[in-house]
Amino acid sequence: MSNHLDNPCFECGQCCQKLRVSFYHGEVLHDQSGELIGAVPPDLVTQITPHMVCMKGTETGKQGCIALHHDDQQGYRCTIYEQRPSPCREFNTLNDDGSINPLCDKLRKAVGLTSVRTN
């Protein structure tokens, strides 16, 4: 069984707590019948512009994402992981070349956590 120390994201969650997660509303849109076309549940977003939304809680970067959950056994987890929006899918601890994502590292260090590479 996996614990939250197996993945550095599970002990941190800072990207979900400190960054605004905004994206194109097409990831949330409903069709004429009301059926969801995109993946992100509409009740979890705030409209920002006619074409942009953000995850509730991330509007100002002062609260965590509404989809972020934490408990002592599992650590930080996204409750809509399979339905998460593109900015969440694209934010990684490491870049494609294997180097540390500097923003991830900065967020971790700001709360006293070690660099991703040392985990």
PDB file of N, CA and C in Angstrom:
ATOM      1  N   MET A   1       0.843  -1.196   0.000  1.00  0.00           N
ATOM      2  CA  MET A   1       0.000   0.000   0.000  1.00  0.00           C
ATOM      3  C   MET A   1       0.880   1.248   0.000  1.00  0.00           C
ATOM      4  N   SER A   2       0.515   2.211  -0.790  1.00  0.00           N
ATOM      5  CA  SER A   2       1.275   3.457  -0.929  1.00  0.00           C
ATOM      6  C   SER A   2       0.930   4.423   0.206  1.00  0.00           C
ATOM      7  N   ASN A   3       1.939   5.185   0.654  1.00  0.00           N
ATOM      8  CA  ASN A   3       1.646   6.244   1.618  1.00  0.00           C
ATOM      9  C   ASN A   3       2.029   7.587   1.022  1.00  0.00           C
ATOM     10  N   HIS A   4       1.745   8.661   1.718  1.00  0.00           N
ATOM     11  CA  HIS A   4       1.941   9.988   1.137  1.00  0.00           C
ATOM     12  C   HIS A   4       3.409  10.341   0.928  1.00  0.00           C
ATOM     13  N   LEU A   5       4.331   9.587   1.493  1.00  0.00           N
ATOM     14  CA  LEU A   5       5.745   9.875   1.295  1.00  0.00           C
ATOM     15  C   LEU A   5       6.279   9.279  -0.009  1.00  0.00           C
ATOM     16  N   ASP A   6       5.510   8.407  -0.646  1.00  0.00           N
ATOM     17  CA  ASP A   6       5.933   7.805  -1.908  1.00  0.00           C
ATOM     18  C   ASP A   6       5.899   8.806  -3.065  1.00  0.00           C
ATOM     19  N   ASN A   7       5.175   9.857  -2.919  1.00  0.00           N
ATOM     20  CA  ASN A   7       5.043  10.871  -3.956  1.00  0.00           C
ATOM     21  C   ASN A   7       5.186  12.229  -3.282  1.00  0.00           C
ATOM     22  N   PRO A   8       6.147  13.057  -3.722  1.00  0.00           N
ATOM     23  CA  PRO A   8       6.353  14.346  -3.050  1.00  0.00           C
ATOM     24  C   PRO A   8       5.132  15.259  -3.090  1.00  0.00           C
ATOM     25  N   CYS A   9       4.262  15.073  -4.058  1.00  0.00           N
ATOM     26  CA  CYS A   9       3.055  15.900  -4.146  1.00  0.00           C
ATOM     27  C   CYS A   9       2.108  15.635  -2.977  1.00  0.00           C
ATOM     28  N   PHE A  10       2.080  14.399  -2.514  1.00  0.00           N
ATOM     29  CA  PHE A  10       1.156  14.031  -1.447  1.00  0.00           C
ATOM     30  C   PHE A  10       1.517  14.664  -0.106  1.00  0.00           C
ATOM     31  N   GLU A  11       2.777  15.047   0.068  1.00  0.00           N
ATOM     32  CA  GLU A  11       3.172  15.709   1.317  1.00  0.00           C
ATOM     33  C   GLU A  11       3.148  17.223   1.204  1.00  0.00           C
ATOM     34  N   CYS A  12       2.875  17.744   0.030  1.00  0.00           N
ATOM     35  CA  CYS A  12       3.014  19.180  -0.209  1.00  0.00           C
ATOM     36  C   CYS A  12       1.680  19.860  -0.534  1.00  0.00           C
ATOM     37  N   GLY A  13       1.185  19.689  -1.734  1.00  0.00           N
ATOM     38  CA  GLY A  13      -0.068  20.297  -2.155  1.00  0.00           C
ATOM     39  C   GLY A  13      -0.022  21.809  -2.317  1.00  0.00           C
ATOM     40  N   GLN A  14       1.178  22.397  -2.292  1.00  0.00           N
ATOM     41  CA  GLN A  14       1.284  23.854  -2.340  1.00  0.00           C
ATOM     42  C   GLN A  14       0.825  24.450  -3.662  1.00  0.00           C
ATOM     43  N   CYS A  15       1.041  23.768  -4.774  1.00  0.00           N
ATOM     44  CA  CYS A  15       0.578  24.301  -6.060  1.00  0.00           C
ATOM     45  C   CYS A  15      -0.945  24.453  -6.051  1.00  0.00           C
ATOM     46  N   CYS A  16      -1.635  23.550  -5.383  1.00  0.00           N
ATOM     47  CA  CYS A  16      -3.094  23.594  -5.282  1.00  0.00           C
ATOM     48  C   CYS A  16      -3.578  24.614  -4.246  1.00  0.00           C
ATOM     49  N   GLN A  17      -2.664  25.057  -3.395  1.00  0.00           N
ATOM     50  CA  GLN A  17      -3.027  25.997  -2.342  1.00  0.00           C
ATOM     51  C   GLN A  17      -2.615  27.432  -2.640  1.00  0.00           C
ATOM     52  N   LYS A  18      -1.612  27.621  -3.479  1.00  0.00           N
ATOM     53  CA  LYS A  18      -1.044  28.960  -3.680  1.00  0.00           C
ATOM     54  C   LYS A  18      -1.180  29.512  -5.091  1.00  0.00           C
ATOM     55  N   LEU A  19      -1.511  28.683  -6.057  1.00  0.00           N
ATOM     56  CA  LEU A  19      -1.586  29.145  -7.444  1.00  0.00           C
ATOM     57  C   LEU A  19      -3.031  29.226  -7.923  1.00  0.00           C
ATOM     58  N   ARG A  20      -3.318  30.236  -8.754  1.00  0.00           N
ATOM     59  CA  ARG A  20      -4.646  30.307  -9.368  1.00  0.00           C
ATOM     60  C   ARG A  20      -4.689  29.297 -10.506  1.00  0.00           C
ATOM     61  N   VAL A  21      -5.701  28.477 -10.514  1.00  0.00           N
ATOM     62  CA  VAL A  21      -5.862  27.454 -11.540  1.00  0.00           C
ATOM     63  C   VAL A  21      -6.940  27.926 -12.506  1.00  0.00           C
ATOM     64  N   SER A  22      -6.511  28.669 -13.525  1.00  0.00           N
ATOM     65  CA  SER A  22      -7.467  29.182 -14.502  1.00  0.00           C
ATOM     66  C   SER A  22      -7.278  28.467 -15.836  1.00  0.00           C
ATOM     67  N   PHE A  23      -8.388  28.335 -16.576  1.00  0.00           N
ATOM     68  CA  PHE A  23      -8.362  27.579 -17.820  1.00  0.00           C
ATOM     69  C   PHE A  23      -9.579  27.926 -18.672  1.00  0.00           C
ATOM     70  N   TYR A  24      -9.554  27.496 -19.923  1.00  0.00           N
ATOM     71  CA  TYR A  24     -10.616  27.745 -20.885  1.00  0.00           C
ATOM     72  C   TYR A  24     -11.911  27.057 -20.450  1.00  0.00           C
ATOM     73  N   HIS A  25     -13.005  27.782 -20.554  1.00  0.00           N
ATOM     74  CA  HIS A  25     -14.293  27.266 -20.088  1.00  0.00           C
ATOM     75  C   HIS A  25     -14.750  26.022 -20.839  1.00  0.00           C
ATOM     76  N   GLY A  26     -14.151  25.726 -21.968  1.00  0.00           N
ATOM     77  CA  GLY A  26     -14.505  24.525 -22.725  1.00  0.00           C
ATOM     78  C   GLY A  26     -14.216  23.235 -21.975  1.00  0.00           C
ATOM     79  N   GLU A  27     -13.392  23.315 -20.951  1.00  0.00           N
ATOM     80  CA  GLU A  27     -13.130  22.130 -20.141  1.00  0.00           C
ATOM     81  C   GLU A  27     -14.277  21.853 -19.173  1.00  0.00           C
ATOM     82  N   VAL A  28     -15.283  22.737 -19.175  1.00  0.00           N
ATOM     83  CA  VAL A  28     -16.409  22.619 -18.248  1.00  0.00           C
ATOM     84  C   VAL A  28     -17.757  22.640 -18.966  1.00  0.00           C
ATOM     85  N   LEU A  29     -17.808  23.123 -20.174  1.00  0.00           N
ATOM     86  CA  LEU A  29     -19.073  23.374 -20.878  1.00  0.00           C
ATOM     87  C   LEU A  29     -20.069  22.230 -20.881  1.00  0.00           C
ATOM     88  N   HIS A  30     -21.331  22.617 -20.924  1.00  0.00           N
ATOM     89  CA  HIS A  30     -22.445  21.683 -21.088  1.00  0.00           C
ATOM     90  C   HIS A  30     -22.981  21.842 -22.505  1.00  0.00           C
ATOM     91  N   ASP A  31     -23.548  20.786 -23.061  1.00  0.00           N
ATOM     92  CA  ASP A  31     -24.202  20.919 -24.356  1.00  0.00           C
ATOM     93  C   ASP A  31     -25.643  21.394 -24.155  1.00  0.00           C
ATOM     94  N   GLN A  32     -26.404  21.481 -25.228  1.00  0.00           N
ATOM     95  CA  GLN A  32     -27.779  21.996 -25.170  1.00  0.00           C
ATOM     96  C   GLN A  32     -28.668  21.206 -24.198  1.00  0.00           C
ATOM     97  N   SER A  33     -28.401  19.922 -24.066  1.00  0.00           N
ATOM     98  CA  SER A  33     -29.225  19.087 -23.187  1.00  0.00           C
ATOM     99  C   SER A  33     -28.769  19.165 -21.731  1.00  0.00           C
ATOM    100  N   GLY A  34     -27.682  19.904 -21.485  1.00  0.00           N
ATOM    101  CA  GLY A  34     -27.171  20.019 -20.133  1.00  0.00           C
ATOM    102  C   GLY A  34     -26.099  18.995 -19.807  1.00  0.00           C
ATOM    103  N   GLU A  35     -25.780  18.136 -20.786  1.00  0.00           N
ATOM    104  CA  GLU A  35     -24.752  17.117 -20.559  1.00  0.00           C
ATOM    105  C   GLU A  35     -23.362  17.747 -20.549  1.00  0.00           C
ATOM    106  N   LEU A  36     -22.553  17.297 -19.628  1.00  0.00           N
ATOM    107  CA  LEU A  36     -21.202  17.809 -19.490  1.00  0.00           C
ATOM    108  C   LEU A  36     -20.358  17.402 -20.692  1.00  0.00           C
ATOM    109  N   ILE A  37     -19.721  18.382 -21.341  1.00  0.00           N
ATOM    110  CA  ILE A  37     -18.846  18.118 -22.478  1.00  0.00           C
ATOM    111  C   ILE A  37     -17.399  18.010 -22.000  1.00  0.00           C
ATOM    112  N   GLY A  38     -16.996  18.945 -21.158  1.00  0.00           N
ATOM    113  CA  GLY A  38     -15.642  18.924 -20.618  1.00  0.00           C
ATOM    114  C   GLY A  38     -15.568  17.966 -19.451  1.00  0.00           C
ATOM    115  N   ALA A  39     -14.444  17.987 -18.757  1.00  0.00           N
ATOM    116  CA  ALA A  39     -14.238  17.039 -17.673  1.00  0.00           C
ATOM    117  C   ALA A  39     -14.488  17.635 -16.292  1.00  0.00           C
ATOM    118  N   VAL A  40     -14.204  18.911 -16.103  1.00  0.00           N
ATOM    119  CA  VAL A  40     -14.243  19.517 -14.776  1.00  0.00           C
ATOM    120  C   VAL A  40     -15.694  19.785 -14.345  1.00  0.00           C
ATOM    121  N   PRO A  41     -16.089  19.301 -13.167  1.00  0.00           N
ATOM    122  CA  PRO A  41     -17.453  19.550 -12.689  1.00  0.00           C
ATOM    123  C   PRO A  41     -17.734  21.058 -12.580  1.00  0.00           C
ATOM    124  N   PRO A  42     -18.813  21.526 -13.163  1.00  0.00           N
ATOM    125  CA  PRO A  42     -19.102  22.958 -13.211  1.00  0.00           C
ATOM    126  C   PRO A  42     -19.285  23.618 -11.851  1.00  0.00           C
ATOM    127  N   ASP A  43     -19.711  22.874 -10.849  1.00  0.00           N
ATOM    128  CA  ASP A  43     -19.918  23.467  -9.532  1.00  0.00           C
ATOM    129  C   ASP A  43     -18.609  23.742  -8.797  1.00  0.00           C
ATOM    130  N   LEU A  44     -17.482  23.358  -9.388  1.00  0.00           N
ATOM    131  CA  LEU A  44     -16.179  23.580  -8.762  1.00  0.00           C
ATOM    132  C   LEU A  44     -15.405  24.746  -9.362  1.00  0.00           C
ATOM    133  N   VAL A  45     -16.036  25.476 -10.285  1.00  0.00           N
ATOM    134  CA  VAL A  45     -15.335  26.581 -10.949  1.00  0.00           C
ATOM    135  C   VAL A  45     -16.027  27.918 -10.741  1.00  0.00           C
ATOM    136  N   THR A  46     -15.247  28.981 -10.893  1.00  0.00           N
ATOM    137  CA  THR A  46     -15.734  30.356 -10.865  1.00  0.00           C
ATOM    138  C   THR A  46     -15.465  30.977 -12.229  1.00  0.00           C
ATOM    139  N   GLN A  47     -16.466  31.633 -12.811  1.00  0.00           N
ATOM    140  CA  GLN A  47     -16.292  32.311 -14.093  1.00  0.00           C
ATOM    141  C   GLN A  47     -15.439  33.556 -13.873  1.00  0.00           C
ATOM    142  N   ILE A  48     -14.392  33.744 -14.679  1.00  0.00           N
ATOM    143  CA  ILE A  48     -13.498  34.902 -14.549  1.00  0.00           C
ATOM    144  C   ILE A  48     -13.719  35.889 -15.687  1.00  0.00           C
ATOM    145  N   THR A  49     -13.795  35.386 -16.895  1.00  0.00           N
ATOM    146  CA  THR A  49     -14.101  36.176 -18.085  1.00  0.00           C
ATOM    147  C   THR A  49     -15.124  35.367 -18.879  1.00  0.00           C
ATOM    148  N   PRO A  50     -15.636  35.893 -19.992  1.00  0.00           N
ATOM    149  CA  PRO A  50     -16.590  35.097 -20.763  1.00  0.00           C
ATOM    150  C   PRO A  50     -16.038  33.736 -21.208  1.00  0.00           C
ATOM    151  N   HIS A  51     -14.719  33.616 -21.313  1.00  0.00           N
ATOM    152  CA  HIS A  51     -14.140  32.374 -21.811  1.00  0.00           C
ATOM    153  C   HIS A  51     -13.213  31.661 -20.826  1.00  0.00           C
ATOM    154  N   MET A  52     -12.976  32.267 -19.672  1.00  0.00           N
ATOM    155  CA  MET A  52     -12.051  31.677 -18.704  1.00  0.00           C
ATOM    156  C   MET A  52     -12.745  31.421 -17.364  1.00  0.00           C
ATOM    157  N   VAL A  53     -12.375  30.313 -16.742  1.00  0.00           N
ATOM    158  CA  VAL A  53     -12.846  29.961 -15.404  1.00  0.00           C
ATOM    159  C   VAL A  53     -11.634  29.615 -14.562  1.00  0.00           C
ATOM    160  N   CYS A  54     -11.834  29.499 -13.264  1.00  0.00           N
ATOM    161  CA  CYS A  54     -10.771  28.992 -12.397  1.00  0.00           C
ATOM    162  C   CYS A  54     -11.403  28.092 -11.350  1.00  0.00           C
ATOM    163  N   MET A  55     -10.586  27.237 -10.788  1.00  0.00           N
ATOM    164  CA  MET A  55     -11.065  26.360  -9.730  1.00  0.00           C
ATOM    165  C   MET A  55     -11.425  27.219  -8.525  1.00  0.00           C
ATOM    166  N   LYS A  56     -12.572  26.956  -7.937  1.00  0.00           N
ATOM    167  CA  LYS A  56     -12.992  27.701  -6.746  1.00  0.00           C
ATOM    168  C   LYS A  56     -11.925  27.560  -5.660  1.00  0.00           C
ATOM    169  N   GLY A  57     -11.698  28.645  -4.964  1.00  0.00           N
ATOM    170  CA  GLY A  57     -10.698  28.687  -3.917  1.00  0.00           C
ATOM    171  C   GLY A  57      -9.374  29.235  -4.404  1.00  0.00           C
ATOM    172  N   THR A  58      -9.129  29.146  -5.724  1.00  0.00           N
ATOM    173  CA  THR A  58      -7.841  29.611  -6.253  1.00  0.00           C
ATOM    174  C   THR A  58      -7.925  31.008  -6.863  1.00  0.00           C
ATOM    175  N   GLU A  59      -9.058  31.660  -6.743  1.00  0.00           N
ATOM    176  CA  GLU A  59      -9.270  32.958  -7.378  1.00  0.00           C
ATOM    177  C   GLU A  59      -8.191  33.973  -7.006  1.00  0.00           C
ATOM    178  N   THR A  60      -7.763  33.985  -5.756  1.00  0.00           N
ATOM    179  CA  THR A  60      -6.796  34.989  -5.285  1.00  0.00           C
ATOM    180  C   THR A  60      -5.446  34.392  -4.892  1.00  0.00           C
ATOM    181  N   GLY A  61      -5.332  33.090  -4.862  1.00  0.00           N
ATOM    182  CA  GLY A  61      -4.099  32.450  -4.421  1.00  0.00           C
ATOM    183  C   GLY A  61      -3.930  32.457  -2.912  1.00  0.00           C
ATOM    184  N   LYS A  62      -4.995  32.777  -2.199  1.00  0.00           N
ATOM    185  CA  LYS A  62      -4.924  32.841  -0.736  1.00  0.00           C
ATOM    186  C   LYS A  62      -5.637  31.679  -0.066  1.00  0.00           C
ATOM    187  N   GLN A  63      -6.308  30.858  -0.852  1.00  0.00           N
ATOM    188  CA  GLN A  63      -6.997  29.680  -0.343  1.00  0.00           C
ATOM    189  C   GLN A  63      -6.619  28.500  -1.216  1.00  0.00           C
ATOM    190  N   GLY A  64      -6.878  27.332  -0.726  1.00  0.00           N
ATOM    191  CA  GLY A  64      -6.624  26.144  -1.524  1.00  0.00           C
ATOM    192  C   GLY A  64      -7.756  25.850  -2.485  1.00  0.00           C
ATOM    193  N   CYS A  65      -7.451  25.047  -3.473  1.00  0.00           N
ATOM    194  CA  CYS A  65      -8.441  24.604  -4.446  1.00  0.00           C
ATOM    195  C   CYS A  65      -9.528  23.801  -3.743  1.00  0.00           C
ATOM    196  N   ILE A  66     -10.748  24.002  -4.175  1.00  0.00           N
ATOM    197  CA  ILE A  66     -11.891  23.298  -3.599  1.00  0.00           C
ATOM    198  C   ILE A  66     -11.757  21.782  -3.754  1.00  0.00           C
ATOM    199  N   ALA A  67     -11.017  21.336  -4.756  1.00  0.00           N
ATOM    200  CA  ALA A  67     -10.869  19.897  -5.002  1.00  0.00           C
ATOM    201  C   ALA A  67      -9.724  19.262  -4.209  1.00  0.00           C
ATOM    202  N   LEU A  68      -8.963  20.062  -3.481  1.00  0.00           N
ATOM    203  CA  LEU A  68      -7.846  19.538  -2.694  1.00  0.00           C
ATOM    204  C   LEU A  68      -8.340  19.014  -1.357  1.00  0.00           C
ATOM    205  N   HIS A  69      -7.931  17.809  -1.037  1.00  0.00           N
ATOM    206  CA  HIS A  69      -8.295  17.190   0.243  1.00  0.00           C
ATOM    207  C   HIS A  69      -7.024  16.735   0.946  1.00  0.00           C
ATOM    208  N   HIS A  70      -6.999  16.855   2.256  1.00  0.00           N
ATOM    209  CA  HIS A  70      -5.850  16.397   3.028  1.00  0.00           C
ATOM    210  C   HIS A  70      -6.307  15.574   4.221  1.00  0.00           C
ATOM    211  N   ASP A  71      -5.607  14.484   4.446  1.00  0.00           N
ATOM    212  CA  ASP A  71      -5.752  13.764   5.706  1.00  0.00           C
ATOM    213  C   ASP A  71      -4.383  13.202   6.075  1.00  0.00           C
ATOM    214  N   ASP A  72      -4.210  12.891   7.351  1.00  0.00           N
ATOM    215  CA  ASP A  72      -2.901  12.486   7.855  1.00  0.00           C
ATOM    216  C   ASP A  72      -2.388  11.185   7.252  1.00  0.00           C
ATOM    217  N   GLN A  73      -3.265  10.290   6.875  1.00  0.00           N
ATOM    218  CA  GLN A  73      -2.832   9.007   6.315  1.00  0.00           C
ATOM    219  C   GLN A  73      -2.489   9.097   4.839  1.00  0.00           C
ATOM    220  N   GLN A  74      -3.281   9.805   4.065  1.00  0.00           N
ATOM    221  CA  GLN A  74      -3.100   9.854   2.612  1.00  0.00           C
ATOM    222  C   GLN A  74      -2.336  11.086   2.144  1.00  0.00           C
ATOM    223  N   GLY A  75      -2.266  12.109   2.962  1.00  0.00           N
ATOM    224  CA  GLY A  75      -1.632  13.351   2.544  1.00  0.00           C
ATOM    225  C   GLY A  75      -2.590  14.188   1.711  1.00  0.00           C
ATOM    226  N   TYR A  76      -2.049  14.982   0.781  1.00  0.00           N
ATOM    227  CA  TYR A  76      -2.860  15.831  -0.086  1.00  0.00           C
ATOM    228  C   TYR A  76      -3.267  15.038  -1.321  1.00  0.00           C
ATOM    229  N   ARG A  77      -4.537  15.118  -1.662  1.00  0.00           N
ATOM    230  CA  ARG A  77      -5.059  14.423  -2.838  1.00  0.00           C
ATOM    231  C   ARG A  77      -6.090  15.298  -3.536  1.00  0.00           C
ATOM    232  N   CYS A  78      -6.137  15.167  -4.853  1.00  0.00           N
ATOM    233  CA  CYS A  78      -7.148  15.851  -5.653  1.00  0.00           C
ATOM    234  C   CYS A  78      -8.374  14.952  -5.725  1.00  0.00           C
ATOM    235  N   THR A  79      -9.521  15.499  -5.328  1.00  0.00           N
ATOM    236  CA  THR A  79     -10.745  14.703  -5.332  1.00  0.00           C
ATOM    237  C   THR A  79     -11.321  14.514  -6.734  1.00  0.00           C
ATOM    238  N   ILE A  80     -10.799  15.264  -7.714  1.00  0.00           N
ATOM    239  CA  ILE A  80     -11.248  15.098  -9.102  1.00  0.00           C
ATOM    240  C   ILE A  80     -10.053  14.785 -10.004  1.00  0.00           C
ATOM    241  N   TYR A  81      -9.102  14.046  -9.493  1.00  0.00           N
ATOM    242  CA  TYR A  81      -7.844  13.816 -10.206  1.00  0.00           C
ATOM    243  C   TYR A  81      -8.048  13.413 -11.670  1.00  0.00           C
ATOM    244  N   GLU A  82      -8.916  12.483 -11.947  1.00  0.00           N
ATOM    245  CA  GLU A  82      -9.154  12.049 -13.331  1.00  0.00           C
ATOM    246  C   GLU A  82      -9.859  13.122 -14.164  1.00  0.00           C
ATOM    247  N   GLN A  83     -10.512  14.071 -13.505  1.00  0.00           N
ATOM    248  CA  GLN A  83     -11.243  15.134 -14.195  1.00  0.00           C
ATOM    249  C   GLN A  83     -10.537  16.490 -14.068  1.00  0.00           C
ATOM    250  N   ARG A  84      -9.336  16.532 -13.524  1.00  0.00           N
ATOM    251  CA  ARG A  84      -8.658  17.795 -13.259  1.00  0.00           C
ATOM    252  C   ARG A  84      -8.423  18.570 -14.550  1.00  0.00           C
ATOM    253  N   PRO A  85      -8.378  19.911 -14.460  1.00  0.00           N
ATOM    254  CA  PRO A  85      -8.199  20.735 -15.648  1.00  0.00           C
ATOM    255  C   PRO A  85      -6.759  20.697 -16.177  1.00  0.00           C
ATOM    256  N   SER A  86      -6.596  21.222 -17.372  1.00  0.00           N
ATOM    257  CA  SER A  86      -5.297  21.176 -18.051  1.00  0.00           C
ATOM    258  C   SER A  86      -4.141  21.801 -17.260  1.00  0.00           C
ATOM    259  N   PRO A  87      -4.317  22.938 -16.555  1.00  0.00           N
ATOM    260  CA  PRO A  87      -3.167  23.473 -15.813  1.00  0.00           C
ATOM    261  C   PRO A  87      -2.656  22.485 -14.759  1.00  0.00           C
ATOM    262  N   CYS A  88      -3.550  21.721 -14.181  1.00  0.00           N
ATOM    263  CA  CYS A  88      -3.150  20.723 -13.179  1.00  0.00           C
ATOM    264  C   CYS A  88      -2.464  19.541 -13.841  1.00  0.00           C
ATOM    265  N   ARG A  89      -2.939  19.171 -15.013  1.00  0.00           N
ATOM    266  CA  ARG A  89      -2.315  18.064 -15.743  1.00  0.00           C
ATOM    267  C   ARG A  89      -0.913  18.444 -16.220  1.00  0.00           C
ATOM    268  N   GLU A  90      -0.711  19.719 -16.500  1.00  0.00           N
ATOM    269  CA  GLU A  90       0.558  20.175 -17.064  1.00  0.00           C
ATOM    270  C   GLU A  90       1.599  20.572 -16.014  1.00  0.00           C
ATOM    271  N   PHE A  91       1.194  20.798 -14.775  1.00  0.00           N
ATOM    272  CA  PHE A  91       2.131  21.202 -13.727  1.00  0.00           C
ATOM    273  C   PHE A  91       2.777  19.954 -13.138  1.00  0.00           C
ATOM    274  N   ASN A  92       4.072  19.838 -13.298  1.00  0.00           N
ATOM    275  CA  ASN A  92       4.806  18.670 -12.814  1.00  0.00           C
ATOM    276  C   ASN A  92       5.925  19.083 -11.875  1.00  0.00           C
ATOM    277  N   THR A  93       6.353  18.161 -11.044  1.00  0.00           N
ATOM    278  CA  THR A  93       7.477  18.426 -10.143  1.00  0.00           C
ATOM    279  C   THR A  93       8.783  18.500 -10.927  1.00  0.00           C
ATOM    280  N   LEU A  94       8.856  17.760 -12.020  1.00  0.00           N
ATOM    281  CA  LEU A  94      10.043  17.771 -12.871  1.00  0.00           C
ATOM    282  C   LEU A  94       9.669  18.192 -14.285  1.00  0.00           C
ATOM    283  N   ASN A  95      10.580  18.891 -14.946  1.00  0.00           N
ATOM    284  CA  ASN A  95      10.401  19.267 -16.345  1.00  0.00           C
ATOM    285  C   ASN A  95      10.674  18.055 -17.234  1.00  0.00           C
ATOM    286  N   ASP A  96      10.350  18.177 -18.516  1.00  0.00           N
ATOM    287  CA  ASP A  96      10.554  17.075 -19.456  1.00  0.00           C
ATOM    288  C   ASP A  96      12.007  16.610 -19.510  1.00  0.00           C
ATOM    289  N   ASP A  97      12.946  17.523 -19.297  1.00  0.00           N
ATOM    290  CA  ASP A  97      14.366  17.157 -19.348  1.00  0.00           C
ATOM    291  C   ASP A  97      14.888  16.582 -18.031  1.00  0.00           C
ATOM    292  N   GLY A  98      14.005  16.421 -17.047  1.00  0.00           N
ATOM    293  CA  GLY A  98      14.392  15.854 -15.766  1.00  0.00           C
ATOM    294  C   GLY A  98      14.822  16.878 -14.729  1.00  0.00           C
ATOM    295  N   SER A  99      14.903  18.133 -15.131  1.00  0.00           N
ATOM    296  CA  SER A  99      15.266  19.183 -14.177  1.00  0.00           C
ATOM    297  C   SER A  99      14.071  19.508 -13.280  1.00  0.00           C
ATOM    298  N   ILE A 100      14.364  20.040 -12.119  1.00  0.00           N
ATOM    299  CA  ILE A 100      13.315  20.381 -11.158  1.00  0.00           C
ATOM    300  C   ILE A 100      12.517  21.582 -11.656  1.00  0.00           C
ATOM    301  N   ASN A 101      11.200  21.495 -11.548  1.00  0.00           N
ATOM    302  CA  ASN A 101      10.336  22.626 -11.865  1.00  0.00           C
ATOM    303  C   ASN A 101      10.628  23.697 -10.814  1.00  0.00           C
ATOM    304  N   PRO A 102      11.180  24.858 -11.215  1.00  0.00           N
ATOM    305  CA  PRO A 102      11.576  25.860 -10.221  1.00  0.00           C
ATOM    306  C   PRO A 102      10.417  26.402  -9.392  1.00  0.00           C
ATOM    307  N   LEU A 103       9.232  26.502  -9.969  1.00  0.00           N
ATOM    308  CA  LEU A 103       8.083  26.994  -9.209  1.00  0.00           C
ATOM    309  C   LEU A 103       7.666  25.968  -8.154  1.00  0.00           C
ATOM    310  N   CYS A 104       7.667  24.714  -8.503  1.00  0.00           N
ATOM    311  CA  CYS A 104       7.364  23.651  -7.540  1.00  0.00           C
ATOM    312  C   CYS A 104       8.363  23.710  -6.391  1.00  0.00           C
ATOM    313  N   ASP A 105       9.637  23.793  -6.733  1.00  0.00           N
ATOM    314  CA  ASP A 105      10.687  23.828  -5.722  1.00  0.00           C
ATOM    315  C   ASP A 105      10.535  25.052  -4.806  1.00  0.00           C
ATOM    316  N   LYS A 106      10.210  26.187  -5.391  1.00  0.00           N
ATOM    317  CA  LYS A 106      10.032  27.422  -4.615  1.00  0.00           C
ATOM    318  C   LYS A 106       8.858  27.289  -3.636  1.00  0.00           C
ATOM    319  N   LEU A 107       7.752  26.735  -4.105  1.00  0.00           N
ATOM    320  CA  LEU A 107       6.576  26.556  -3.252  1.00  0.00           C
ATOM    321  C   LEU A 107       6.872  25.597  -2.106  1.00  0.00           C
ATOM    322  N   ARG A 108       7.584  24.527  -2.387  1.00  0.00           N
ATOM    323  CA  ARG A 108       7.944  23.551  -1.350  1.00  0.00           C
ATOM    324  C   ARG A 108       8.852  24.191  -0.302  1.00  0.00           C
ATOM    325  N   LYS A 109       9.873  24.888  -0.765  1.00  0.00           N
ATOM    326  CA  LYS A 109      10.836  25.501   0.159  1.00  0.00           C
ATOM    327  C   LYS A 109      10.182  26.565   1.028  1.00  0.00           C
ATOM    328  N   ALA A 110       9.174  27.260   0.500  1.00  0.00           N
ATOM    329  CA  ALA A 110       8.479  28.312   1.257  1.00  0.00           C
ATOM    330  C   ALA A 110       7.765  27.775   2.493  1.00  0.00           C
ATOM    331  N   VAL A 111       7.433  26.486   2.479  1.00  0.00           N
ATOM    332  CA  VAL A 111       6.768  25.889   3.642  1.00  0.00           C
ATOM    333  C   VAL A 111       7.690  24.914   4.383  1.00  0.00           C
ATOM    334  N   GLY A 112       8.980  24.998   4.096  1.00  0.00           N
ATOM    335  CA  GLY A 112       9.959  24.206   4.840  1.00  0.00           C
ATOM    336  C   GLY A 112      10.162  22.781   4.352  1.00  0.00           C
ATOM    337  N   LEU A 113       9.671  22.465   3.165  1.00  0.00           N
ATOM    338  CA  LEU A 113       9.889  21.127   2.622  1.00  0.00           C
ATOM    339  C   LEU A 113      11.171  21.098   1.791  1.00  0.00           C
ATOM    340  N   THR A 114      11.755  19.923   1.656  1.00  0.00           N
ATOM    341  CA  THR A 114      12.975  19.787   0.868  1.00  0.00           C
ATOM    342  C   THR A 114      12.659  19.807  -0.622  1.00  0.00           C
ATOM    343  N   SER A 115      13.684  19.967  -1.417  1.00  0.00           N
ATOM    344  CA  SER A 115      13.556  19.931  -2.863  1.00  0.00           C
ATOM    345  C   SER A 115      13.011  18.574  -3.297  1.00  0.00           C
ATOM    346  N   VAL A 116      12.302  18.565  -4.399  1.00  0.00           N
ATOM    347  CA  VAL A 116      11.751  17.328  -4.946  1.00  0.00           C
ATOM    348  C   VAL A 116      12.868  16.307  -5.163  1.00  0.00           C
ATOM    349  N   ARG A 117      13.977  16.737  -5.664  1.00  0.00           N
ATOM    350  CA  ARG A 117      15.088  15.841  -6.007  1.00  0.00           C
ATOM    351  C   ARG A 117      15.638  15.107  -4.787  1.00  0.00           C
ATOM    352  N   THR A 118      15.545  15.685  -3.605  1.00  0.00           N
ATOM    353  CA  THR A 118      16.110  15.058  -2.425  1.00  0.00           C
ATOM    354  C   THR A 118      15.129  14.115  -1.738  1.00  0.00           C
ATOM    355  N   ASN A 119      13.941  14.000  -2.295  1.00  0.00           N
ATOM    356  CA  ASN A 119      12.938  13.090  -1.698  1.00  0.00           C
ATOM    357  C   ASN A 119      13.099  11.694  -2.223  1.00  0.00           C
TER     358      ASN A 119
END
